[in-house]
N, C-alpha and C. Protein backbone atom coordinates (compact mmCIF):
# COMPACT_ATOMS: atom_id res chain seq x y z
N MET A 1 -54.59 65.99 -105.82
CA MET A 1 -54.62 66.30 -104.51
C MET A 1 -54.02 66.15 -103.30
N ILE A 2 -52.62 65.12 -104.03
CA ILE A 2 -51.12 65.64 -103.47
C ILE A 2 -50.82 66.67 -103.48
N MET A 3 -50.62 67.17 -104.76
CA MET A 3 -50.35 68.27 -104.80
C MET A 3 -51.05 69.44 -104.61
N GLN A 4 -52.06 69.48 -103.96
CA GLN A 4 -52.73 70.79 -104.22
C GLN A 4 -52.52 70.77 -102.18
N ARG A 5 -52.14 69.74 -101.63
CA ARG A 5 -52.00 69.55 -100.36
C ARG A 5 -50.66 70.08 -100.14
N SER A 6 -49.27 69.90 -101.16
CA SER A 6 -48.32 70.09 -100.98
C SER A 6 -48.01 71.73 -101.30
N VAL A 7 -48.75 72.62 -102.20
CA VAL A 7 -48.89 73.43 -102.08
C VAL A 7 -49.69 74.24 -100.95
N LEU A 8 -50.45 74.22 -100.30
CA LEU A 8 -50.65 74.09 -99.03
C LEU A 8 -50.32 74.49 -97.85
N LEU A 9 -49.57 73.49 -98.18
CA LEU A 9 -48.56 73.54 -97.00
C LEU A 9 -47.49 74.69 -96.89
N LEU A 10 -47.14 74.68 -98.14
CA LEU A 10 -46.21 75.46 -98.99
C LEU A 10 -46.65 77.21 -97.80
N LEU A 11 -47.79 77.61 -98.75
CA LEU A 11 -48.25 78.71 -98.23
C LEU A 11 -48.92 78.99 -96.91
N MET A 12 -49.33 78.12 -96.60
CA MET A 12 -49.52 78.28 -94.88
C MET A 12 -49.09 79.05 -94.31
N PRO A 13 -47.55 79.31 -94.07
CA PRO A 13 -46.99 79.85 -93.03
C PRO A 13 -46.85 80.84 -93.35
N ALA A 14 -46.74 81.31 -95.06
CA ALA A 14 -46.47 82.31 -95.53
C ALA A 14 -47.76 83.55 -95.29
N MET A 15 -49.24 82.93 -95.17
CA MET A 15 -50.34 83.55 -94.67
C MET A 15 -50.73 84.05 -93.48
N LEU A 16 -50.00 82.88 -92.53
CA LEU A 16 -50.06 82.99 -91.21
C LEU A 16 -49.05 84.30 -91.04
N LEU A 17 -48.02 84.23 -91.45
CA LEU A 17 -46.93 85.66 -91.11
C LEU A 17 -47.67 87.04 -91.62
N MET A 18 -48.36 86.42 -92.90
CA MET A 18 -49.01 88.05 -93.40
C MET A 18 -49.86 88.26 -91.74
N LEU A 19 -50.81 87.38 -91.37
CA LEU A 19 -51.54 87.77 -90.39
C LEU A 19 -50.88 88.42 -89.71
N ALA A 20 -49.75 88.02 -89.05
CA ALA A 20 -48.98 88.00 -87.49
C ALA A 20 -48.52 89.50 -87.84
N ILE A 21 -48.17 89.87 -88.63
CA ILE A 21 -47.36 91.09 -88.66
C ILE A 21 -48.86 92.44 -89.26
N PRO A 22 -48.51 93.63 -88.17
CA PRO A 22 -49.77 94.54 -88.48
C PRO A 22 -49.68 95.54 -89.49
N GLY A 23 -50.82 95.53 -90.09
CA GLY A 23 -50.53 96.51 -91.52
C GLY A 23 -50.25 95.84 -92.25
N SER A 24 -49.72 94.59 -92.69
CA SER A 24 -49.06 93.73 -93.68
C SER A 24 -50.53 93.52 -95.19
N LEU A 25 -51.45 93.63 -94.52
CA LEU A 25 -52.94 93.10 -95.40
C LEU A 25 -53.69 94.64 -96.08
N SER A 26 -52.97 95.82 -94.85
CA SER A 26 -53.28 96.82 -95.24
C SER A 26 -53.26 98.11 -96.37
N ALA A 27 -53.58 98.97 -97.05
CA ALA A 27 -52.94 99.68 -97.56
C ALA A 27 -51.95 100.58 -97.34
N LYS A 28 -51.95 100.83 -95.74
CA LYS A 28 -50.01 101.51 -95.60
C LYS A 28 -49.25 100.74 -95.70
N SER A 29 -49.54 99.09 -96.47
CA SER A 29 -48.37 98.58 -96.42
C SER A 29 -47.94 98.33 -97.88
N THR A 30 -48.42 99.46 -98.78
CA THR A 30 -48.12 99.77 -99.87
C THR A 30 -47.41 100.91 -100.31
N LYS A 31 -47.31 101.67 -99.30
CA LYS A 31 -46.80 102.99 -99.61
C LYS A 31 -45.69 103.13 -99.48
N VAL A 32 -44.65 103.76 -100.27
CA VAL A 32 -43.38 103.00 -100.64
C VAL A 32 -42.51 104.61 -100.12
N GLN A 33 -41.73 104.13 -99.55
CA GLN A 33 -40.78 105.44 -99.22
C GLN A 33 -39.92 106.21 -99.98
N ASP A 34 -39.43 106.71 -100.05
CA ASP A 34 -38.67 107.68 -100.82
C ASP A 34 -37.17 107.55 -100.36
N SER A 35 -36.62 107.21 -101.01
CA SER A 35 -34.96 106.42 -100.56
C SER A 35 -34.37 107.06 -101.62
N ASN A 36 -32.82 106.84 -102.07
CA ASN A 36 -32.05 106.67 -102.89
C ASN A 36 -31.44 105.19 -103.26
N ILE A 37 -31.64 105.22 -104.57
CA ILE A 37 -30.77 103.58 -104.90
C ILE A 37 -29.92 103.81 -105.85
N ASN A 38 -28.52 103.78 -105.56
CA ASN A 38 -27.79 103.65 -107.04
C ASN A 38 -27.60 102.78 -107.85
N ILE A 39 -28.53 102.48 -108.82
CA ILE A 39 -28.56 101.11 -110.08
C ILE A 39 -27.28 101.79 -111.02
N PRO A 40 -26.04 101.30 -111.19
CA PRO A 40 -25.58 101.70 -112.26
C PRO A 40 -26.12 101.60 -113.63
N ALA A 41 -25.65 101.88 -114.61
CA ALA A 41 -26.10 102.54 -115.98
C ALA A 41 -25.51 101.19 -116.61
N VAL A 42 -26.20 100.64 -117.48
CA VAL A 42 -25.49 99.76 -118.35
C VAL A 42 -25.27 100.95 -119.91
N GLU A 43 -23.98 100.71 -120.19
CA GLU A 43 -22.75 101.20 -121.24
C GLU A 43 -24.33 100.66 -122.61
N ARG A 44 -24.63 101.15 -123.44
CA ARG A 44 -25.37 100.43 -124.53
C ARG A 44 -24.49 101.10 -126.21
N LYS A 45 -23.87 100.04 -126.57
CA LYS A 45 -23.24 100.32 -127.96
C LYS A 45 -24.38 100.42 -129.44
N THR A 46 -24.26 101.26 -130.00
CA THR A 46 -25.23 101.53 -130.77
C THR A 46 -24.35 101.27 -132.24
N ASN A 47 -23.59 101.63 -132.41
CA ASN A 47 -22.84 101.14 -133.36
C ASN A 47 -21.77 100.48 -133.37
N VAL A 48 -21.86 99.07 -133.25
CA VAL A 48 -20.95 97.67 -133.29
C VAL A 48 -20.24 98.03 -134.05
N SER A 49 -18.91 97.42 -134.40
CA SER A 49 -18.06 97.00 -135.45
C SER A 49 -17.58 96.28 -135.34
N LYS A 50 -17.35 95.34 -135.97
CA LYS A 50 -16.84 94.19 -136.05
C LYS A 50 -15.96 93.49 -135.19
N LYS A 51 -14.77 94.44 -135.04
CA LYS A 51 -14.25 94.73 -134.16
C LYS A 51 -13.98 94.61 -132.49
N ASP A 52 -15.43 94.90 -132.47
CA ASP A 52 -15.83 94.67 -131.03
C ASP A 52 -16.43 93.76 -130.80
N LEU A 53 -16.86 92.49 -131.63
CA LEU A 53 -17.51 91.58 -131.40
C LEU A 53 -16.93 90.80 -131.23
N PRO A 54 -16.92 89.75 -129.93
CA PRO A 54 -15.92 88.67 -129.30
C PRO A 54 -15.42 87.73 -130.40
N LYS A 55 -14.67 87.07 -130.50
CA LYS A 55 -13.85 86.34 -131.58
C LYS A 55 -14.58 84.86 -131.52
N PRO A 56 -14.72 84.43 -132.20
CA PRO A 56 -15.49 82.96 -132.20
C PRO A 56 -14.03 82.14 -131.65
N THR A 57 -14.50 81.18 -130.32
CA THR A 57 -13.70 80.25 -129.73
C THR A 57 -14.03 78.84 -130.43
N GLN A 58 -13.62 78.48 -131.93
CA GLN A 58 -14.33 77.12 -132.14
C GLN A 58 -12.87 76.60 -132.67
N GLU A 59 -13.27 75.22 -133.01
CA GLU A 59 -11.92 74.45 -133.28
C GLU A 59 -11.86 74.53 -134.73
N GLU A 60 -10.65 74.65 -135.11
CA GLU A 60 -10.02 74.40 -136.63
C GLU A 60 -10.58 73.63 -137.36
N PRO A 61 -11.47 74.01 -138.39
CA PRO A 61 -12.48 73.03 -139.31
C PRO A 61 -11.35 71.61 -139.71
N LYS A 62 -12.20 70.75 -139.71
CA LYS A 62 -11.13 69.81 -139.82
C LYS A 62 -11.38 69.19 -141.60
N LEU A 63 -10.61 69.47 -142.68
CA LEU A 63 -10.83 68.80 -143.98
C LEU A 63 -9.86 67.77 -143.99
N THR A 64 -10.42 66.74 -145.11
CA THR A 64 -9.46 65.94 -145.95
C THR A 64 -8.57 66.47 -146.73
N ASP A 65 -7.12 65.84 -147.50
CA ASP A 65 -6.74 66.69 -148.68
C ASP A 65 -7.27 67.08 -149.57
N GLU A 66 -8.66 65.99 -149.89
CA GLU A 66 -9.26 66.12 -151.36
C GLU A 66 -10.09 67.09 -150.99
N GLU A 67 -10.35 67.19 -149.97
CA GLU A 67 -11.54 68.56 -149.48
C GLU A 67 -10.80 69.96 -149.89
N LYS A 68 -9.41 69.73 -149.33
CA LYS A 68 -8.91 71.22 -149.03
C LYS A 68 -8.21 71.82 -150.41
N GLU A 69 -7.72 70.50 -151.05
CA GLU A 69 -7.38 70.59 -152.86
C GLU A 69 -8.57 71.03 -153.39
N LEU A 70 -9.39 70.81 -153.62
CA LEU A 70 -10.89 71.20 -153.85
C LEU A 70 -11.35 72.56 -153.58
N LEU A 71 -11.08 72.82 -152.39
CA LEU A 71 -11.07 74.27 -152.50
C LEU A 71 -10.50 75.21 -152.51
N ALA A 72 -8.82 74.80 -152.61
CA ALA A 72 -8.20 75.61 -153.71
C ALA A 72 -8.35 75.55 -155.20
N ARG A 73 -9.11 74.95 -155.16
CA ARG A 73 -9.33 74.86 -156.47
C ARG A 73 -10.10 76.03 -157.28
N LEU A 74 -11.47 76.12 -155.90
CA LEU A 74 -12.18 77.17 -156.34
C LEU A 74 -12.00 78.59 -156.03
N VAL A 75 -10.60 78.73 -154.86
CA VAL A 75 -10.30 80.03 -154.72
C VAL A 75 -9.62 80.25 -155.68
N HIS A 76 -8.39 79.37 -156.21
CA HIS A 76 -7.70 79.67 -157.49
C HIS A 76 -8.64 80.09 -158.56
N ALA A 77 -9.48 79.81 -158.65
CA ALA A 77 -10.58 80.05 -160.24
C ALA A 77 -11.31 81.28 -159.81
N GLU A 78 -11.94 81.15 -158.24
CA GLU A 78 -12.63 82.51 -158.25
C GLU A 78 -11.99 83.82 -157.74
N ALA A 79 -11.19 83.83 -157.35
CA ALA A 79 -9.95 85.12 -156.78
C ALA A 79 -8.73 84.95 -157.58
N LYS A 80 -8.51 84.55 -158.85
CA LYS A 80 -7.33 84.95 -159.19
C LYS A 80 -7.37 87.04 -159.58
N GLY A 81 -5.96 87.32 -159.26
CA GLY A 81 -5.57 88.45 -159.22
C GLY A 81 -6.39 89.48 -158.11
N GLU A 82 -6.98 88.80 -157.14
CA GLU A 82 -7.28 89.71 -155.94
C GLU A 82 -6.31 89.24 -154.71
N PRO A 83 -6.00 90.13 -153.94
CA PRO A 83 -5.14 90.27 -152.83
C PRO A 83 -5.39 88.67 -152.17
N PHE A 84 -4.01 88.53 -151.37
CA PHE A 84 -4.42 87.18 -150.59
C PHE A 84 -5.32 87.04 -149.69
N LYS A 85 -5.67 87.92 -148.77
CA LYS A 85 -6.52 88.45 -147.90
C LYS A 85 -8.34 88.05 -148.89
N GLY A 86 -8.28 88.57 -149.76
CA GLY A 86 -9.55 87.87 -150.71
C GLY A 86 -9.58 86.26 -150.74
N LYS A 87 -8.41 86.32 -151.14
CA LYS A 87 -8.61 84.64 -151.53
C LYS A 87 -8.84 84.07 -149.70
N VAL A 88 -8.40 84.08 -148.56
CA VAL A 88 -8.75 83.71 -147.37
C VAL A 88 -10.36 84.04 -147.79
N ALA A 89 -10.57 85.11 -147.48
CA ALA A 89 -12.18 85.38 -147.84
C ALA A 89 -13.08 84.35 -148.27
N VAL A 90 -12.50 84.06 -149.56
CA VAL A 90 -13.60 83.36 -150.62
C VAL A 90 -13.55 82.00 -150.09
N ALA A 91 -12.50 81.42 -149.42
CA ALA A 91 -12.60 80.10 -148.68
C ALA A 91 -13.13 79.95 -147.69
N GLU A 92 -13.57 81.38 -146.70
CA GLU A 92 -14.25 81.07 -145.91
C GLU A 92 -15.22 81.26 -146.49
N VAL A 93 -15.89 82.12 -147.04
CA VAL A 93 -17.41 81.88 -147.52
C VAL A 93 -17.99 80.36 -147.21
N VAL A 94 -17.04 79.71 -148.33
CA VAL A 94 -17.05 78.22 -147.64
C VAL A 94 -17.21 77.40 -146.82
N LEU A 95 -16.02 77.82 -145.70
CA LEU A 95 -16.54 76.92 -144.66
C LEU A 95 -17.71 77.73 -143.62
N ASN A 96 -17.82 79.06 -144.12
CA ASN A 96 -19.16 79.59 -143.27
C ASN A 96 -20.08 78.91 -143.65
N ARG A 97 -20.53 78.58 -144.83
CA ARG A 97 -21.96 77.86 -145.29
C ARG A 97 -21.91 76.53 -144.45
N ILE A 98 -20.79 76.13 -144.89
CA ILE A 98 -20.89 74.57 -143.90
C ILE A 98 -21.47 74.89 -142.65
N GLU A 99 -21.30 75.97 -142.03
CA GLU A 99 -21.67 76.22 -140.28
C GLU A 99 -23.06 76.44 -140.71
N ASP A 100 -23.55 77.08 -141.66
CA ASP A 100 -24.74 77.71 -141.75
C ASP A 100 -25.63 76.59 -141.88
N HIS A 101 -26.77 76.26 -141.29
CA HIS A 101 -27.70 75.59 -141.34
C HIS A 101 -28.87 75.80 -143.31
N GLN A 102 -28.48 76.62 -143.78
CA GLN A 102 -29.05 76.55 -145.25
C GLN A 102 -28.24 76.43 -146.19
N PHE A 103 -27.10 76.03 -145.85
CA PHE A 103 -25.99 74.86 -146.85
C PHE A 103 -25.78 73.87 -146.38
N PRO A 104 -25.86 73.08 -147.49
CA PRO A 104 -24.90 71.73 -147.34
C PRO A 104 -23.40 71.70 -146.37
N ASP A 105 -23.11 70.66 -145.65
CA ASP A 105 -22.33 70.16 -145.32
C ASP A 105 -21.37 70.12 -144.72
N THR A 106 -20.79 69.99 -146.40
CA THR A 106 -19.18 69.44 -146.66
C THR A 106 -18.70 70.21 -147.69
N VAL A 107 -18.03 70.15 -148.14
CA VAL A 107 -16.51 71.05 -148.82
C VAL A 107 -17.32 71.07 -150.28
N LYS A 108 -17.64 69.82 -150.77
CA LYS A 108 -17.95 69.33 -152.02
C LYS A 108 -19.28 69.56 -152.25
N GLU A 109 -20.11 69.37 -151.26
CA GLU A 109 -21.74 69.65 -151.33
C GLU A 109 -22.16 71.25 -151.59
N VAL A 110 -21.27 71.79 -150.66
CA VAL A 110 -21.14 73.33 -150.85
C VAL A 110 -21.05 74.28 -152.63
N ILE A 111 -19.67 73.37 -152.66
CA ILE A 111 -19.06 74.03 -153.86
C ILE A 111 -20.06 73.63 -155.22
N TYR A 112 -19.98 72.64 -155.09
CA TYR A 112 -21.01 71.63 -156.51
C TYR A 112 -22.42 71.80 -156.24
N GLN A 113 -23.20 72.85 -155.28
CA GLN A 113 -24.58 73.23 -155.24
C GLN A 113 -24.59 73.93 -156.32
N LYS A 114 -25.79 73.53 -156.82
CA LYS A 114 -26.46 74.48 -158.04
C LYS A 114 -26.37 75.96 -158.47
N ARG A 115 -25.63 76.24 -159.32
CA ARG A 115 -25.64 77.90 -159.40
C ARG A 115 -24.72 78.38 -158.70
N GLN A 116 -24.07 77.92 -157.77
CA GLN A 116 -23.55 78.78 -156.73
C GLN A 116 -21.96 79.09 -157.04
N PHE A 117 -21.45 78.25 -157.44
CA PHE A 117 -19.81 79.44 -158.31
C PHE A 117 -19.64 78.96 -159.66
N ASP A 118 -19.50 79.73 -160.24
CA ASP A 118 -19.33 80.05 -161.72
C ASP A 118 -18.04 78.92 -161.91
N PRO A 119 -17.05 78.89 -161.50
CA PRO A 119 -15.96 78.12 -162.15
C PRO A 119 -16.25 76.42 -161.71
N VAL A 120 -17.51 76.41 -161.48
CA VAL A 120 -18.20 74.97 -161.66
C VAL A 120 -18.94 74.56 -162.61
N ALA A 121 -19.57 75.93 -162.94
CA ALA A 121 -20.30 75.97 -164.37
C ALA A 121 -18.98 76.14 -165.55
N ASN A 122 -18.48 76.86 -165.81
CA ASN A 122 -17.41 76.79 -166.49
C ASN A 122 -16.26 76.06 -166.60
N GLY A 123 -16.10 75.22 -165.96
CA GLY A 123 -15.03 74.10 -165.38
C GLY A 123 -13.80 74.81 -165.23
N GLU A 124 -13.72 75.45 -164.69
CA GLU A 124 -12.23 76.32 -164.21
C GLU A 124 -12.28 75.82 -162.73
N ILE A 125 -13.15 74.76 -161.78
CA ILE A 125 -12.64 74.32 -161.25
C ILE A 125 -12.06 72.93 -161.55
N ASN A 126 -12.18 72.77 -162.41
CA ASN A 126 -10.79 71.40 -162.50
C ASN A 126 -9.91 71.90 -163.07
N LYS A 127 -9.38 72.89 -162.76
CA LYS A 127 -7.67 73.30 -163.03
C LYS A 127 -7.33 72.90 -161.90
N PRO A 128 -5.38 72.72 -161.67
CA PRO A 128 -4.66 72.68 -160.81
C PRO A 128 -4.77 73.96 -159.66
N ALA A 129 -5.07 74.33 -158.92
CA ALA A 129 -4.91 75.43 -157.78
C ALA A 129 -3.19 75.60 -157.29
N GLY A 130 -3.43 76.93 -157.47
CA GLY A 130 -1.70 77.43 -157.21
C GLY A 130 -1.44 77.54 -155.83
N GLN A 131 -0.01 78.03 -155.68
CA GLN A 131 0.44 77.89 -154.41
C GLN A 131 -0.38 78.47 -153.29
N GLU A 132 -0.76 80.09 -153.42
CA GLU A 132 -1.07 80.87 -152.94
C GLU A 132 -2.45 80.64 -152.57
N ALA A 133 -3.31 79.90 -153.33
CA ALA A 133 -4.61 79.75 -153.48
C ALA A 133 -4.44 78.42 -152.36
N ARG A 134 -3.44 77.57 -151.70
CA ARG A 134 -3.72 76.38 -151.00
C ARG A 134 -3.10 76.73 -149.52
N LYS A 135 -2.08 78.01 -149.98
CA LYS A 135 -1.77 78.85 -148.73
C LYS A 135 -2.92 79.56 -148.37
N ALA A 136 -3.91 79.91 -148.55
CA ALA A 136 -5.09 80.88 -148.53
C ALA A 136 -6.18 79.76 -147.47
N VAL A 137 -6.67 78.93 -148.29
CA VAL A 137 -7.01 77.78 -147.59
C VAL A 137 -6.44 77.43 -146.28
N ASP A 138 -5.67 77.48 -145.86
CA ASP A 138 -4.88 76.99 -144.88
C ASP A 138 -5.49 78.35 -143.70
N GLU A 139 -5.31 78.93 -144.26
CA GLU A 139 -4.90 80.96 -143.48
C GLU A 139 -6.54 80.71 -142.64
N ALA A 140 -7.30 80.25 -144.12
CA ALA A 140 -8.79 80.24 -143.55
C ALA A 140 -9.46 79.16 -142.71
N LEU A 141 -8.65 78.15 -142.46
CA LEU A 141 -8.87 77.02 -141.31
C LEU A 141 -8.26 77.29 -140.25
N THR A 142 -8.04 78.59 -139.81
CA THR A 142 -7.27 78.72 -139.26
C THR A 142 -8.52 80.12 -138.05
N PRO A 143 -9.46 79.93 -137.24
CA PRO A 143 -10.42 80.32 -137.23
C PRO A 143 -9.95 81.63 -136.23
N GLU A 144 -8.94 81.58 -135.52
CA GLU A 144 -8.29 82.92 -134.55
C GLU A 144 -8.27 84.28 -135.43
N ASP A 145 -7.60 83.94 -136.62
CA ASP A 145 -7.46 85.39 -137.55
C ASP A 145 -9.17 85.41 -139.14
N LYS A 146 -9.87 85.14 -138.46
CA LYS A 146 -11.14 85.02 -139.17
C LYS A 146 -11.15 86.44 -139.83
N VAL A 147 -10.96 86.40 -141.37
CA VAL A 147 -11.15 87.75 -142.46
C VAL A 147 -12.91 88.08 -142.44
N THR A 148 -13.82 86.99 -142.39
CA THR A 148 -14.97 87.38 -142.67
C THR A 148 -16.35 86.46 -142.38
N GLU A 149 -17.19 86.71 -142.67
CA GLU A 149 -18.33 86.12 -141.92
C GLU A 149 -19.16 85.82 -142.61
N ALA A 150 -19.13 86.08 -143.62
CA ALA A 150 -20.17 86.53 -145.24
C ALA A 150 -20.38 84.69 -145.69
N LEU A 151 -21.31 84.89 -146.17
CA LEU A 151 -21.89 83.49 -146.93
C LEU A 151 -22.24 83.74 -148.67
N PHE A 152 -21.64 84.74 -148.76
CA PHE A 152 -21.39 85.27 -150.52
C PHE A 152 -20.71 86.33 -150.68
N PHE A 153 -20.68 86.23 -152.00
CA PHE A 153 -19.04 87.07 -152.44
C PHE A 153 -19.41 87.35 -153.74
N TYR A 154 -19.31 88.68 -154.64
CA TYR A 154 -19.79 89.38 -156.06
C TYR A 154 -18.40 90.03 -156.61
N ASN A 155 -18.22 89.83 -157.45
CA ASN A 155 -17.40 91.14 -158.12
C ASN A 155 -18.91 91.97 -158.84
N PRO A 156 -18.89 93.00 -158.16
CA PRO A 156 -19.84 93.94 -158.75
C PRO A 156 -19.39 94.18 -160.00
N GLU A 157 -18.70 94.28 -160.43
CA GLU A 157 -18.61 95.17 -161.43
C GLU A 157 -18.90 94.28 -162.99
N ILE A 158 -18.43 92.70 -162.78
CA ILE A 158 -19.02 91.81 -163.58
C ILE A 158 -20.90 90.89 -163.28
N ALA A 159 -21.02 90.88 -161.85
CA ALA A 159 -22.02 90.26 -161.97
C ALA A 159 -23.33 90.54 -162.48
N THR A 160 -23.65 89.27 -163.24
CA THR A 160 -25.04 89.74 -163.35
C THR A 160 -26.63 89.20 -162.97
N ASP A 161 -26.19 88.37 -161.92
CA ASP A 161 -27.15 88.09 -161.02
C ASP A 161 -27.90 89.64 -160.52
N THR A 162 -29.26 90.03 -160.19
CA THR A 162 -29.66 90.95 -159.04
C THR A 162 -29.67 90.68 -158.51
N TRP A 163 -30.47 89.35 -157.73
CA TRP A 163 -30.59 88.59 -156.06
C TRP A 163 -29.10 88.69 -155.62
N ILE A 164 -28.34 88.75 -155.98
CA ILE A 164 -26.71 89.22 -155.06
C ILE A 164 -26.67 90.40 -154.59
N ARG A 165 -27.00 91.24 -155.24
CA ARG A 165 -27.03 92.65 -154.93
C ARG A 165 -27.70 93.23 -153.90
N THR A 166 -28.72 92.24 -153.64
CA THR A 166 -30.16 92.60 -152.38
C THR A 166 -29.48 92.08 -151.05
N ARG A 167 -28.33 91.29 -151.20
CA ARG A 167 -27.62 91.18 -149.62
C ARG A 167 -26.91 92.57 -149.46
N THR A 168 -26.65 92.28 -147.98
CA THR A 168 -25.71 92.98 -147.04
C THR A 168 -24.78 92.82 -147.69
N VAL A 169 -24.02 94.18 -147.66
CA VAL A 169 -22.05 93.64 -148.09
C VAL A 169 -21.69 93.97 -146.60
N ILE A 170 -21.01 93.14 -146.13
CA ILE A 170 -20.10 92.79 -145.13
C ILE A 170 -18.76 93.57 -145.02
N ASP A 171 -18.44 93.24 -146.24
CA ASP A 171 -16.86 93.38 -146.32
C ASP A 171 -16.54 93.34 -147.94
N GLU A 172 -15.74 94.48 -147.95
CA GLU A 172 -14.92 94.90 -149.47
C GLU A 172 -13.49 94.73 -149.65
N ILE A 173 -13.24 93.19 -150.06
CA ILE A 173 -11.61 93.13 -150.14
C ILE A 173 -11.08 93.12 -151.70
N GLY A 174 -10.46 93.95 -152.08
CA GLY A 174 -10.21 93.83 -154.16
C GLY A 174 -11.30 94.14 -154.74
N ASP A 175 -11.55 92.94 -155.33
CA ASP A 175 -13.28 93.67 -156.45
C ASP A 175 -14.08 92.72 -156.06
N HIS A 176 -14.09 91.26 -154.68
CA HIS A 176 -15.08 91.57 -154.10
C HIS A 176 -15.96 92.27 -152.99
N HIS A 177 -16.75 91.82 -153.07
CA HIS A 177 -17.90 92.48 -152.10
C HIS A 177 -18.64 90.95 -151.45
N PHE A 178 -18.51 90.69 -149.85
CA PHE A 178 -18.54 90.00 -149.31
C PHE A 178 -20.01 90.53 -148.58
N SER A 179 -20.80 89.28 -149.20
CA SER A 179 -22.34 89.64 -148.42
C SER A 179 -22.94 89.01 -147.06
N ILE A 180 -24.03 88.85 -146.34
CA ILE A 180 -24.26 87.73 -145.72
C ILE A 180 -26.09 87.93 -146.34
């Protein structure tokens, strides 16, 4: 009841104003006059490259020394013989997964998630990381120079899983395809 009264009190002045202005309720009031209105056009890009996208302004991910070492061992095992940029991208895939709601929230959980990384299955994950792999992890932890937004990577020459080939490839670095 109080709400209805408040609405009436708000609408009453507008209704009185319409009655006071001649022709405001007639068909004449709907006539549109010709006029030039300059509305600036909005530029629309249809082919947007990753360079055109704004860089994320996120904080540097905080990892423990143990997490960094585990990630470096994965990079070492997965990206042996790949260019440095490819090693960084492999580390970034793990970090991207941590940020994505579809995956676990820690380095260890992402790496040891069932059937995700061959080095876990074949034991290569237990071998020590090389210095370049550690450096690649440090680089991946610097979000200003992000190499990839990918959630997956594979080598098309040796990958046997057909599902991975259905993913959209967004980067090719060395022998790896990086996809979302």
